[in-house]
Amino acid sequence: MSDRYSQLASLLFEVEKELRDMQLWAEQSPPAESLLSTQPFAVDVLTFTEWLQFIFLPKMYAAIETAADLPESCSIAPMAEEFFKARQTSGKTAGQVDARSIIRRLAAVDRFICGR
């Protein structure tokens, strides 16, 4: 594995760890048809964190394993900001989840992918 892919893998592992630490890691996969959504971030069928776990992370891990080309653009952190802002506003953040850390990690992924 090249150093570039190794660095990306480390960033992705940090995102995964953060999701687990925030107790946003689902134990069960959503229905298979949910994973086939053509909407950005699968907003029609998944929450943002489900999209990260079941679509984004697996695709990125597969790209790393096969040394495939990375996406040409990546804007995940702004979507994360909106998702967590909406959760906080709607009161869905019982226990007051601090999303700043995962947003910072996703911004690092964005910079890594776009900053070639």
PDB file of N, CA and C in Angstrom:
ATOM      1  N   MET A   1       0.854  -1.172   0.000  1.00  0.00           N
ATOM      2  CA  MET A   1       0.000   0.000   0.000  1.00  0.00           C
ATOM      3  C   MET A   1       0.899   1.233   0.000  1.00  0.00           C
ATOM      4  N   SER A   2       0.612   2.167  -0.895  1.00  0.00           N
ATOM      5  CA  SER A   2       1.424   3.380  -0.971  1.00  0.00           C
ATOM      6  C   SER A   2       1.195   4.237   0.269  1.00  0.00           C
ATOM      7  N   ASP A   3       2.120   5.145   0.476  1.00  0.00           N
ATOM      8  CA  ASP A   3       2.032   6.032   1.625  1.00  0.00           C
ATOM      9  C   ASP A   3       0.762   6.877   1.565  1.00  0.00           C
ATOM     10  N   ARG A   4       0.372   7.297   0.362  1.00  0.00           N
ATOM     11  CA  ARG A   4      -0.840   8.108   0.196  1.00  0.00           C
ATOM     12  C   ARG A   4      -2.067   7.339   0.679  1.00  0.00           C
ATOM     13  N   TYR A   5      -2.196   6.080   0.246  1.00  0.00           N
ATOM     14  CA  TYR A   5      -3.344   5.279   0.654  1.00  0.00           C
ATOM     15  C   TYR A   5      -3.278   4.938   2.143  1.00  0.00           C
ATOM     16  N   SER A   6      -2.101   4.773   2.658  1.00  0.00           N
ATOM     17  CA  SER A   6      -1.936   4.498   4.082  1.00  0.00           C
ATOM     18  C   SER A   6      -2.395   5.702   4.917  1.00  0.00           C
ATOM     19  N   GLN A   7      -2.048   6.903   4.465  1.00  0.00           N
ATOM     20  CA  GLN A   7      -2.482   8.112   5.167  1.00  0.00           C
ATOM     21  C   GLN A   7      -4.006   8.243   5.130  1.00  0.00           C
ATOM     22  N   LEU A   8      -4.592   7.966   3.972  1.00  0.00           N
ATOM     23  CA  LEU A   8      -6.046   8.046   3.860  1.00  0.00           C
ATOM     24  C   LEU A   8      -6.708   7.004   4.760  1.00  0.00           C
ATOM     25  N   ALA A   9      -6.162   5.798   4.794  1.00  0.00           N
ATOM     26  CA  ALA A   9      -6.716   4.756   5.656  1.00  0.00           C
ATOM     27  C   ALA A   9      -6.708   5.205   7.110  1.00  0.00           C
ATOM     28  N   SER A  10      -5.645   5.849   7.545  1.00  0.00           N
ATOM     29  CA  SER A  10      -5.572   6.352   8.928  1.00  0.00           C
ATOM     30  C   SER A  10      -6.660   7.375   9.198  1.00  0.00           C
ATOM     31  N   LEU A  11      -6.881   8.280   8.245  1.00  0.00           N
ATOM     32  CA  LEU A  11      -7.940   9.280   8.406  1.00  0.00           C
ATOM     33  C   LEU A  11      -9.308   8.615   8.500  1.00  0.00           C
ATOM     34  N   LEU A  12      -9.539   7.627   7.663  1.00  0.00           N
ATOM     35  CA  LEU A  12     -10.835   6.933   7.662  1.00  0.00           C
ATOM     36  C   LEU A  12     -11.036   6.134   8.944  1.00  0.00           C
ATOM     37  N   PHE A  13      -9.992   5.509   9.446  1.00  0.00           N
ATOM     38  CA  PHE A  13     -10.098   4.777  10.712  1.00  0.00           C
ATOM     39  C   PHE A  13     -10.449   5.726  11.844  1.00  0.00           C
ATOM     40  N   GLU A  14      -9.919   6.954  11.805  1.00  0.00           N
ATOM     41  CA  GLU A  14     -10.247   7.944  12.829  1.00  0.00           C
ATOM     42  C   GLU A  14     -11.723   8.327  12.755  1.00  0.00           C
ATOM     43  N   VAL A  15     -12.252   8.466  11.542  1.00  0.00           N
ATOM     44  CA  VAL A  15     -13.678   8.767  11.375  1.00  0.00           C
ATOM     45  C   VAL A  15     -14.511   7.635  11.953  1.00  0.00           C
ATOM     46  N   GLU A  16     -14.139   6.405  11.614  1.00  0.00           N
ATOM     47  CA  GLU A  16     -14.880   5.241  12.125  1.00  0.00           C
ATOM     48  C   GLU A  16     -14.829   5.188  13.648  1.00  0.00           C
ATOM     49  N   LYS A  17     -13.657   5.416  14.217  1.00  0.00           N
ATOM     50  CA  LYS A  17     -13.525   5.402  15.675  1.00  0.00           C
ATOM     51  C   LYS A  17     -14.405   6.482  16.302  1.00  0.00           C
ATOM     52  N   GLU A  18     -14.430   7.643  15.674  1.00  0.00           N
ATOM     53  CA  GLU A  18     -15.238   8.746  16.206  1.00  0.00           C
ATOM     54  C   GLU A  18     -16.724   8.384  16.190  1.00  0.00           C
ATOM     55  N   LEU A  19     -17.181   7.776  15.100  1.00  0.00           N
ATOM     56  CA  LEU A  19     -18.584   7.350  15.027  1.00  0.00           C
ATOM     57  C   LEU A  19     -18.904   6.351  16.139  1.00  0.00           C
ATOM     58  N   ARG A  20     -17.984   5.433  16.373  1.00  0.00           N
ATOM     59  CA  ARG A  20     -18.196   4.443  17.441  1.00  0.00           C
ATOM     60  C   ARG A  20     -18.206   5.119  18.816  1.00  0.00           C
ATOM     61  N   ASP A  21     -17.243   6.023  19.038  1.00  0.00           N
ATOM     62  CA  ASP A  21     -17.168   6.722  20.318  1.00  0.00           C
ATOM     63  C   ASP A  21     -18.416   7.551  20.585  1.00  0.00           C
ATOM     64  N   MET A  22     -19.002   8.109  19.515  1.00  0.00           N
ATOM     65  CA  MET A  22     -20.204   8.934  19.647  1.00  0.00           C
ATOM     66  C   MET A  22     -21.472   8.077  19.705  1.00  0.00           C
ATOM     67  N   GLN A  23     -21.288   6.763  19.659  1.00  0.00           N
ATOM     68  CA  GLN A  23     -22.389   5.797  19.664  1.00  0.00           C
ATOM     69  C   GLN A  23     -23.327   6.027  18.484  1.00  0.00           C
ATOM     70  N   LEU A  24     -22.722   6.327  17.331  1.00  0.00           N
ATOM     71  CA  LEU A  24     -23.464   6.518  16.092  1.00  0.00           C
ATOM     72  C   LEU A  24     -23.169   5.412  15.091  1.00  0.00           C
ATOM     73  N   TRP A  25     -22.540   4.340  15.561  1.00  0.00           N
ATOM     74  CA  TRP A  25     -22.199   3.201  14.719  1.00  0.00           C
ATOM     75  C   TRP A  25     -23.320   2.181  14.833  1.00  0.00           C
ATOM     76  N   ALA A  26     -23.977   1.899  13.730  1.00  0.00           N
ATOM     77  CA  ALA A  26     -25.111   0.971  13.740  1.00  0.00           C
ATOM     78  C   ALA A  26     -24.627  -0.474  13.781  1.00  0.00           C
ATOM     79  N   GLU A  27     -25.352  -1.290  14.509  1.00  0.00           N
ATOM     80  CA  GLU A  27     -25.024  -2.713  14.604  1.00  0.00           C
ATOM     81  C   GLU A  27     -25.552  -3.503  13.409  1.00  0.00           C
ATOM     82  N   GLN A  28     -26.619  -3.015  12.792  1.00  0.00           N
ATOM     83  CA  GLN A  28     -27.210  -3.714  11.653  1.00  0.00           C
ATOM     84  C   GLN A  28     -27.197  -2.818  10.426  1.00  0.00           C
ATOM     85  N   SER A  29     -26.972  -3.452   9.299  1.00  0.00           N
ATOM     86  CA  SER A  29     -26.993  -2.744   8.031  1.00  0.00           C
ATOM     87  C   SER A  29     -28.429  -2.422   7.632  1.00  0.00           C
ATOM     88  N   PRO A  30     -28.647  -1.283   6.975  1.00  0.00           N
ATOM     89  CA  PRO A  30     -29.996  -0.985   6.484  1.00  0.00           C
ATOM     90  C   PRO A  30     -30.355  -1.942   5.347  1.00  0.00           C
ATOM     91  N   PRO A  31     -31.604  -1.960   4.923  1.00  0.00           N
ATOM     92  CA  PRO A  31     -32.003  -2.832   3.814  1.00  0.00           C
ATOM     93  C   PRO A  31     -31.125  -2.579   2.583  1.00  0.00           C
ATOM     94  N   ALA A  32     -30.859  -3.622   1.829  1.00  0.00           N
ATOM     95  CA  ALA A  32     -29.966  -3.533   0.667  1.00  0.00           C
ATOM     96  C   ALA A  32     -30.389  -2.441  -0.308  1.00  0.00           C
ATOM     97  N   GLU A  33     -31.686  -2.265  -0.507  1.00  0.00           N
ATOM     98  CA  GLU A  33     -32.140  -1.250  -1.460  1.00  0.00           C
ATOM     99  C   GLU A  33     -31.770   0.164  -0.999  1.00  0.00           C
ATOM    100  N   SER A  34     -31.606   0.362   0.301  1.00  0.00           N
ATOM    101  CA  SER A  34     -31.193   1.664   0.809  1.00  0.00           C
ATOM    102  C   SER A  34     -29.773   2.004   0.374  1.00  0.00           C
ATOM    103  N   LEU A  35     -28.979   0.987   0.161  1.00  0.00           N
ATOM    104  CA  LEU A  35     -27.590   1.208  -0.218  1.00  0.00           C
ATOM    105  C   LEU A  35     -27.442   1.503  -1.710  1.00  0.00           C
ATOM    106  N   LEU A  36     -28.535   1.448  -2.441  1.00  0.00           N
ATOM    107  CA  LEU A  36     -28.510   1.699  -3.878  1.00  0.00           C
ATOM    108  C   LEU A  36     -29.037   3.084  -4.242  1.00  0.00           C
ATOM    109  N   SER A  37     -29.310   3.912  -3.283  1.00  0.00           N
ATOM    110  CA  SER A  37     -29.848   5.245  -3.535  1.00  0.00           C
ATOM    111  C   SER A  37     -28.946   6.017  -4.487  1.00  0.00           C
ATOM    112  N   THR A  38     -29.549   6.810  -5.338  1.00  0.00           N
ATOM    113  CA  THR A  38     -28.780   7.655  -6.259  1.00  0.00           C
ATOM    114  C   THR A  38     -28.753   9.110  -5.800  1.00  0.00           C
ATOM    115  N   GLN A  39     -29.395   9.409  -4.691  1.00  0.00           N
ATOM    116  CA  GLN A  39     -29.409  10.766  -4.148  1.00  0.00           C
ATOM    117  C   GLN A  39     -28.071  11.059  -3.456  1.00  0.00           C
ATOM    118  N   PRO A  40     -27.622  12.315  -3.501  1.00  0.00           N
ATOM    119  CA  PRO A  40     -26.398  12.654  -2.778  1.00  0.00           C
ATOM    120  C   PRO A  40     -26.521  12.269  -1.304  1.00  0.00           C
ATOM    121  N   PHE A  41     -25.508  11.622  -0.805  1.00  0.00           N
ATOM    122  CA  PHE A  41     -25.450  11.168   0.589  1.00  0.00           C
ATOM    123  C   PHE A  41     -26.621  10.247   0.941  1.00  0.00           C
ATOM    124  N   ALA A  42     -27.297   9.703  -0.066  1.00  0.00           N
ATOM    125  CA  ALA A  42     -28.453   8.815   0.129  1.00  0.00           C
ATOM    126  C   ALA A  42     -29.471   9.430   1.085  1.00  0.00           C
ATOM    127  N   VAL A  43     -29.661  10.746   0.976  1.00  0.00           N
ATOM    128  CA  VAL A  43     -30.529  11.465   1.909  1.00  0.00           C
ATOM    129  C   VAL A  43     -31.969  10.984   1.882  1.00  0.00           C
ATOM    130  N   ASP A  44     -32.350  10.314   0.828  1.00  0.00           N
ATOM    131  CA  ASP A  44     -33.733   9.839   0.744  1.00  0.00           C
ATOM    132  C   ASP A  44     -33.997   8.607   1.592  1.00  0.00           C
ATOM    133  N   VAL A  45     -32.944   7.883   1.986  1.00  0.00           N
ATOM    134  CA  VAL A  45     -33.166   6.623   2.713  1.00  0.00           C
ATOM    135  C   VAL A  45     -32.254   6.390   3.922  1.00  0.00           C
ATOM    136  N   LEU A  46     -31.184   7.170   4.049  1.00  0.00           N
ATOM    137  CA  LEU A  46     -30.240   6.955   5.150  1.00  0.00           C
ATOM    138  C   LEU A  46     -29.986   8.257   5.895  1.00  0.00           C
ATOM    139  N   THR A  47     -29.618   8.136   7.163  1.00  0.00           N
ATOM    140  CA  THR A  47     -29.103   9.302   7.865  1.00  0.00           C
ATOM    141  C   THR A  47     -27.676   9.526   7.380  1.00  0.00           C
ATOM    142  N   PHE A  48     -27.144  10.688   7.663  1.00  0.00           N
ATOM    143  CA  PHE A  48     -25.776  10.983   7.233  1.00  0.00           C
ATOM    144  C   PHE A  48     -24.777   9.986   7.820  1.00  0.00           C
ATOM    145  N   THR A  49     -24.938   9.653   9.095  1.00  0.00           N
ATOM    146  CA  THR A  49     -23.983   8.726   9.716  1.00  0.00           C
ATOM    147  C   THR A  49     -24.127   7.316   9.148  1.00  0.00           C
ATOM    148  N   GLU A  50     -25.341   6.927   8.763  1.00  0.00           N
ATOM    149  CA  GLU A  50     -25.518   5.622   8.095  1.00  0.00           C
ATOM    150  C   GLU A  50     -24.823   5.647   6.733  1.00  0.00           C
ATOM    151  N   TRP A  51     -24.954   6.763   6.020  1.00  0.00           N
ATOM    152  CA  TRP A  51     -24.283   6.888   4.730  1.00  0.00           C
ATOM    153  C   TRP A  51     -22.770   6.740   4.902  1.00  0.00           C
ATOM    154  N   LEU A  52     -22.223   7.414   5.936  1.00  0.00           N
ATOM    155  CA  LEU A  52     -20.784   7.283   6.196  1.00  0.00           C
ATOM    156  C   LEU A  52     -20.411   5.820   6.423  1.00  0.00           C
ATOM    157  N   GLN A  53     -21.161   5.171   7.304  1.00  0.00           N
ATOM    158  CA  GLN A  53     -20.825   3.806   7.704  1.00  0.00           C
ATOM    159  C   GLN A  53     -21.029   2.778   6.600  1.00  0.00           C
ATOM    160  N   PHE A  54     -22.128   2.878   5.890  1.00  0.00           N
ATOM    161  CA  PHE A  54     -22.495   1.800   4.971  1.00  0.00           C
ATOM    162  C   PHE A  54     -22.193   2.069   3.497  1.00  0.00           C
ATOM    163  N   ILE A  55     -21.905   3.318   3.151  1.00  0.00           N
ATOM    164  CA  ILE A  55     -21.601   3.612   1.754  1.00  0.00           C
ATOM    165  C   ILE A  55     -20.205   4.231   1.614  1.00  0.00           C
ATOM    166  N   PHE A  56     -19.973   5.367   2.261  1.00  0.00           N
ATOM    167  CA  PHE A  56     -18.714   6.071   2.066  1.00  0.00           C
ATOM    168  C   PHE A  56     -17.496   5.273   2.538  1.00  0.00           C
ATOM    169  N   LEU A  57     -17.499   4.872   3.800  1.00  0.00           N
ATOM    170  CA  LEU A  57     -16.323   4.160   4.324  1.00  0.00           C
ATOM    171  C   LEU A  57     -16.029   2.874   3.547  1.00  0.00           C
ATOM    172  N   PRO A  58     -17.025   2.012   3.277  1.00  0.00           N
ATOM    173  CA  PRO A  58     -16.708   0.809   2.503  1.00  0.00           C
ATOM    174  C   PRO A  58     -16.145   1.111   1.101  1.00  0.00           C
ATOM    175  N   LYS A  59     -16.701   2.128   0.429  1.00  0.00           N
ATOM    176  CA  LYS A  59     -16.184   2.484  -0.901  1.00  0.00           C
ATOM    177  C   LYS A  59     -14.750   2.990  -0.814  1.00  0.00           C
ATOM    178  N   MET A  60     -14.469   3.781   0.197  1.00  0.00           N
ATOM    179  CA  MET A  60     -13.111   4.308   0.335  1.00  0.00           C
ATOM    180  C   MET A  60     -12.122   3.209   0.734  1.00  0.00           C
ATOM    181  N   TYR A  61     -12.538   2.306   1.623  1.00  0.00           N
ATOM    182  CA  TYR A  61     -11.660   1.185   1.988  1.00  0.00           C
ATOM    183  C   TYR A  61     -11.381   0.312   0.760  1.00  0.00           C
ATOM    184  N   ALA A  62     -12.401   0.101  -0.071  1.00  0.00           N
ATOM    185  CA  ALA A  62     -12.210  -0.689  -1.301  1.00  0.00           C
ATOM    186  C   ALA A  62     -11.252   0.022  -2.249  1.00  0.00           C
ATOM    187  N   ALA A  63     -11.363   1.328  -2.355  1.00  0.00           N
ATOM    188  CA  ALA A  63     -10.455   2.082  -3.217  1.00  0.00           C
ATOM    189  C   ALA A  63      -9.015   1.966  -2.718  1.00  0.00           C
ATOM    190  N   ILE A  64      -8.854   1.986  -1.410  1.00  0.00           N
ATOM    191  CA  ILE A  64      -7.517   1.844  -0.831  1.00  0.00           C
ATOM    192  C   ILE A  64      -6.959   0.458  -1.127  1.00  0.00           C
ATOM    193  N   GLU A  65      -7.761  -0.575  -0.911  1.00  0.00           N
ATOM    194  CA  GLU A  65      -7.309  -1.957  -1.129  1.00  0.00           C
ATOM    195  C   GLU A  65      -6.895  -2.220  -2.571  1.00  0.00           C
ATOM    196  N   THR A  66      -7.588  -1.589  -3.514  1.00  0.00           N
ATOM    197  CA  THR A  66      -7.298  -1.835  -4.933  1.00  0.00           C
ATOM    198  C   THR A  66      -6.454  -0.725  -5.559  1.00  0.00           C
ATOM    199  N   ALA A  67      -6.036   0.239  -4.749  1.00  0.00           N
ATOM    200  CA  ALA A  67      -5.270   1.390  -5.237  1.00  0.00           C
ATOM    201  C   ALA A  67      -6.009   2.085  -6.379  1.00  0.00           C
ATOM    202  N   ALA A  68      -7.321   2.179  -6.245  1.00  0.00           N
ATOM    203  CA  ALA A  68      -8.152   2.815  -7.265  1.00  0.00           C
ATOM    204  C   ALA A  68      -8.024   4.331  -7.178  1.00  0.00           C
ATOM    205  N   ASP A  69      -8.457   4.980  -8.240  1.00  0.00           N
ATOM    206  CA  ASP A  69      -8.479   6.434  -8.240  1.00  0.00           C
ATOM    207  C   ASP A  69      -9.429   6.917  -7.144  1.00  0.00           C
ATOM    208  N   LEU A  70      -9.056   8.003  -6.516  1.00  0.00           N
ATOM    209  CA  LEU A  70      -9.897   8.605  -5.492  1.00  0.00           C
ATOM    210  C   LEU A  70     -10.854   9.580  -6.154  1.00  0.00           C
ATOM    211  N   PRO A  71     -11.937   9.933  -5.473  1.00  0.00           N
ATOM    212  CA  PRO A  71     -12.883  10.900  -6.052  1.00  0.00           C
ATOM    213  C   PRO A  71     -12.166  12.196  -6.416  1.00  0.00           C
ATOM    214  N   GLU A  72     -12.710  12.897  -7.392  1.00  0.00           N
ATOM    215  CA  GLU A  72     -12.110  14.163  -7.802  1.00  0.00           C
ATOM    216  C   GLU A  72     -12.451  15.292  -6.846  1.00  0.00           C
ATOM    217  N   SER A  73     -13.555  15.150  -6.138  1.00  0.00           N
ATOM    218  CA  SER A  73     -13.923  16.163  -5.156  1.00  0.00           C
ATOM    219  C   SER A  73     -14.543  15.465  -3.956  1.00  0.00           C
ATOM    220  N   CYS A  74     -14.541  16.195  -2.866  1.00  0.00           N
ATOM    221  CA  CYS A  74     -15.075  15.629  -1.633  1.00  0.00           C
ATOM    222  C   CYS A  74     -15.531  16.782  -0.748  1.00  0.00           C
ATOM    223  N   SER A  75     -16.790  16.772  -0.367  1.00  0.00           N
ATOM    224  CA  SER A  75     -17.349  17.832   0.476  1.00  0.00           C
ATOM    225  C   SER A  75     -18.209  17.224   1.576  1.00  0.00           C
ATOM    226  N   ILE A  76     -17.586  16.384   2.365  1.00  0.00           N
ATOM    227  CA  ILE A  76     -18.325  15.672   3.394  1.00  0.00           C
ATOM    228  C   ILE A  76     -18.503  16.517   4.653  1.00  0.00           C
ATOM    229  N   ALA A  77     -17.498  17.280   5.021  1.00  0.00           N
ATOM    230  CA  ALA A  77     -17.575  18.066   6.257  1.00  0.00           C
ATOM    231  C   ALA A  77     -18.750  19.047   6.260  1.00  0.00           C
ATOM    232  N   PRO A  78     -19.024  19.767   5.169  1.00  0.00           N
ATOM    233  CA  PRO A  78     -20.196  20.659   5.198  1.00  0.00           C
ATOM    234  C   PRO A  78     -21.508  19.899   5.421  1.00  0.00           C
ATOM    235  N   MET A  79     -21.627  18.720   4.852  1.00  0.00           N
ATOM    236  CA  MET A  79     -22.836  17.919   5.073  1.00  0.00           C
ATOM    237  C   MET A  79     -22.913  17.487   6.536  1.00  0.00           C
ATOM    238  N   ALA A  80     -21.786  17.124   7.114  1.00  0.00           N
ATOM    239  CA  ALA A  80     -21.753  16.743   8.531  1.00  0.00           C
ATOM    240  C   ALA A  80     -22.185  17.914   9.409  1.00  0.00           C
ATOM    241  N   GLU A  81     -21.713  19.111   9.085  1.00  0.00           N
ATOM    242  CA  GLU A  81     -22.106  20.282   9.856  1.00  0.00           C
ATOM    243  C   GLU A  81     -23.618  20.475   9.830  1.00  0.00           C
ATOM    244  N   GLU A  82     -24.208  20.348   8.658  1.00  0.00           N
ATOM    245  CA  GLU A  82     -25.662  20.503   8.531  1.00  0.00           C
ATOM    246  C   GLU A  82     -26.408  19.409   9.285  1.00  0.00           C
ATOM    247  N   PHE A  83     -25.937  18.179   9.158  1.00  0.00           N
ATOM    248  CA  PHE A  83     -26.579  17.053   9.831  1.00  0.00           C
ATOM    249  C   PHE A  83     -26.585  17.249  11.347  1.00  0.00           C
ATOM    250  N   PHE A  84     -25.427  17.573  11.909  1.00  0.00           N
ATOM    251  CA  PHE A  84     -25.344  17.710  13.356  1.00  0.00           C
ATOM    252  C   PHE A  84     -26.046  18.971  13.849  1.00  0.00           C
ATOM    253  N   LYS A  85     -26.047  20.025  13.059  1.00  0.00           N
ATOM    254  CA  LYS A  85     -26.782  21.236  13.426  1.00  0.00           C
ATOM    255  C   LYS A  85     -28.279  20.919  13.499  1.00  0.00           C
ATOM    256  N   ALA A  86     -28.782  20.174  12.510  1.00  0.00           N
ATOM    257  CA  ALA A  86     -30.204  19.806  12.501  1.00  0.00           C
ATOM    258  C   ALA A  86     -30.538  18.905  13.684  1.00  0.00           C
ATOM    259  N   ARG A  87     -29.670  17.988  14.025  1.00  0.00           N
ATOM    260  CA  ARG A  87     -29.909  17.096  15.172  1.00  0.00           C
ATOM    261  C   ARG A  87     -29.959  17.893  16.465  1.00  0.00           C
ATOM    262  N   GLN A  88     -29.068  18.848  16.586  1.00  0.00           N
ATOM    263  CA  GLN A  88     -29.042  19.653  17.807  1.00  0.00           C
ATOM    264  C   GLN A  88     -30.301  20.502  17.906  1.00  0.00           C
ATOM    265  N   THR A  89     -30.713  21.093  16.805  1.00  0.00           N
ATOM    266  CA  THR A  89     -31.907  21.936  16.774  1.00  0.00           C
ATOM    267  C   THR A  89     -33.164  21.134  17.081  1.00  0.00           C
ATOM    268  N   SER A  90     -33.213  19.886  16.585  1.00  0.00           N
ATOM    269  CA  SER A  90     -34.411  19.069  16.788  1.00  0.00           C
ATOM    270  C   SER A  90     -34.409  18.342  18.128  1.00  0.00           C
ATOM    271  N   GLY A  91     -33.336  18.492  18.895  1.00  0.00           N
ATOM    272  CA  GLY A  91     -33.270  17.848  20.204  1.00  0.00           C
ATOM    273  C   GLY A  91     -32.885  16.382  20.137  1.00  0.00           C
ATOM    274  N   LYS A  92     -32.365  15.931  18.989  1.00  0.00           N
ATOM    275  CA  LYS A  92     -32.005  14.520  18.846  1.00  0.00           C
ATOM    276  C   LYS A  92     -30.619  14.207  19.383  1.00  0.00           C
ATOM    277  N   THR A  93     -30.004  15.135  20.032  1.00  0.00           N
ATOM    278  CA  THR A  93     -28.659  14.905  20.552  1.00  0.00           C
ATOM    279  C   THR A  93     -28.690  14.710  22.058  1.00  0.00           C
ATOM    280  N   ALA A  94     -29.490  13.776  22.499  1.00  0.00           N
ATOM    281  CA  ALA A  94     -29.545  13.464  23.928  1.00  0.00           C
ATOM    282  C   ALA A  94     -28.132  13.159  24.395  1.00  0.00           C
ATOM    283  N   GLY A  95     -27.752  13.745  25.486  1.00  0.00           N
ATOM    284  CA  GLY A  95     -26.391  13.571  25.963  1.00  0.00           C
ATOM    285  C   GLY A  95     -25.454  14.591  25.339  1.00  0.00           C
ATOM    286  N   GLN A  96     -25.982  15.510  24.549  1.00  0.00           N
ATOM    287  CA  GLN A  96     -25.210  16.583  23.918  1.00  0.00           C
ATOM    288  C   GLN A  96     -23.935  16.073  23.246  1.00  0.00           C
ATOM    289  N   VAL A  97     -24.116  15.399  22.140  1.00  0.00           N
ATOM    290  CA  VAL A  97     -22.994  14.907  21.357  1.00  0.00           C
ATOM    291  C   VAL A  97     -22.192  16.092  20.845  1.00  0.00           C
ATOM    292  N   ASP A  98     -20.901  16.064  21.046  1.00  0.00           N
ATOM    293  CA  ASP A  98     -20.027  17.102  20.522  1.00  0.00           C
ATOM    294  C   ASP A  98     -19.523  16.642  19.159  1.00  0.00           C
ATOM    295  N   ALA A  99     -20.067  17.234  18.124  1.00  0.00           N
ATOM    296  CA  ALA A  99     -19.769  16.807  16.759  1.00  0.00           C
ATOM    297  C   ALA A  99     -18.526  17.475  16.187  1.00  0.00           C
ATOM    298  N   ARG A 100     -17.934  18.404  16.889  1.00  0.00           N
ATOM    299  CA  ARG A 100     -16.784  19.135  16.332  1.00  0.00           C
ATOM    300  C   ARG A 100     -15.645  18.211  15.943  1.00  0.00           C
ATOM    301  N   SER A 101     -15.403  17.205  16.732  1.00  0.00           N
ATOM    302  CA  SER A 101     -14.280  16.311  16.463  1.00  0.00           C
ATOM    303  C   SER A 101     -14.480  15.540  15.160  1.00  0.00           C
ATOM    304  N   ILE A 102     -15.665  14.972  14.966  1.00  0.00           N
ATOM    305  CA  ILE A 102     -15.877  14.211  13.730  1.00  0.00           C
ATOM    306  C   ILE A 102     -15.915  15.144  12.526  1.00  0.00           C
ATOM    307  N   ILE A 103     -16.442  16.350  12.698  1.00  0.00           N
ATOM    308  CA  ILE A 103     -16.443  17.310  11.585  1.00  0.00           C
ATOM    309  C   ILE A 103     -15.004  17.669  11.205  1.00  0.00           C
ATOM    310  N   ARG A 104     -14.140  17.848  12.197  1.00  0.00           N
ATOM    311  CA  ARG A 104     -12.721  18.127  11.914  1.00  0.00           C
ATOM    312  C   ARG A 104     -12.078  16.960  11.168  1.00  0.00           C
ATOM    313  N   ARG A 105     -12.409  15.748  11.575  1.00  0.00           N
ATOM    314  CA  ARG A 105     -11.828  14.579  10.904  1.00  0.00           C
ATOM    315  C   ARG A 105     -12.324  14.473   9.463  1.00  0.00           C
ATOM    316  N   LEU A 106     -13.596  14.753   9.254  1.00  0.00           N
ATOM    317  CA  LEU A 106     -14.142  14.706   7.899  1.00  0.00           C
ATOM    318  C   LEU A 106     -13.567  15.835   7.043  1.00  0.00           C
ATOM    319  N   ALA A 107     -13.321  16.989   7.637  1.00  0.00           N
ATOM    320  CA  ALA A 107     -12.676  18.078   6.904  1.00  0.00           C
ATOM    321  C   ALA A 107     -11.263  17.675   6.486  1.00  0.00           C
ATOM    322  N   ALA A 108     -10.578  16.920   7.337  1.00  0.00           N
ATOM    323  CA  ALA A 108      -9.242  16.424   6.982  1.00  0.00           C
ATOM    324  C   ALA A 108      -9.325  15.458   5.798  1.00  0.00           C
ATOM    325  N   VAL A 109     -10.360  14.626   5.777  1.00  0.00           N
ATOM    326  CA  VAL A 109     -10.558  13.720   4.639  1.00  0.00           C
ATOM    327  C   VAL A 109     -10.820  14.541   3.376  1.00  0.00           C
ATOM    328  N   ASP A 110     -11.683  15.544   3.484  1.00  0.00           N
ATOM    329  CA  ASP A 110     -11.967  16.422   2.345  1.00  0.00           C
ATOM    330  C   ASP A 110     -10.680  17.044   1.804  1.00  0.00           C
ATOM    331  N   ARG A 111      -9.882  17.618   2.690  1.00  0.00           N
ATOM    332  CA  ARG A 111      -8.627  18.258   2.267  1.00  0.00           C
ATOM    333  C   ARG A 111      -7.678  17.249   1.648  1.00  0.00           C
ATOM    334  N   PHE A 112      -7.613  16.068   2.221  1.00  0.00           N
ATOM    335  CA  PHE A 112      -6.706  15.050   1.708  1.00  0.00           C
ATOM    336  C   PHE A 112      -7.087  14.649   0.287  1.00  0.00           C
ATOM    337  N   ILE A 113      -8.369  14.422   0.058  1.00  0.00           N
ATOM    338  CA  ILE A 113      -8.822  13.983  -1.257  1.00  0.00           C
ATOM    339  C   ILE A 113      -8.729  15.114  -2.281  1.00  0.00           C
ATOM    340  N   CYS A 114      -9.122  16.319  -1.895  1.00  0.00           N
ATOM    341  CA  CYS A 114      -9.141  17.445  -2.839  1.00  0.00           C
ATOM    342  C   CYS A 114      -7.780  18.110  -2.999  1.00  0.00           C
ATOM    343  N   GLY A 115      -6.898  17.899  -2.064  1.00  0.00           N
ATOM    344  CA  GLY A 115      -5.621  18.596  -2.081  1.00  0.00           C
ATOM    345  C   GLY A 115      -4.511  17.866  -2.801  1.00  0.00           C
ATOM    346  N   ARG A 116      -4.846  17.133  -3.813  1.00  0.00           N
ATOM    347  CA  ARG A 116      -3.814  16.371  -4.538  1.00  0.00           C
ATOM    348  C   ARG A 116      -2.791  17.263  -5.163  1.00  0.00           C
TER     349      ARG A 116
END
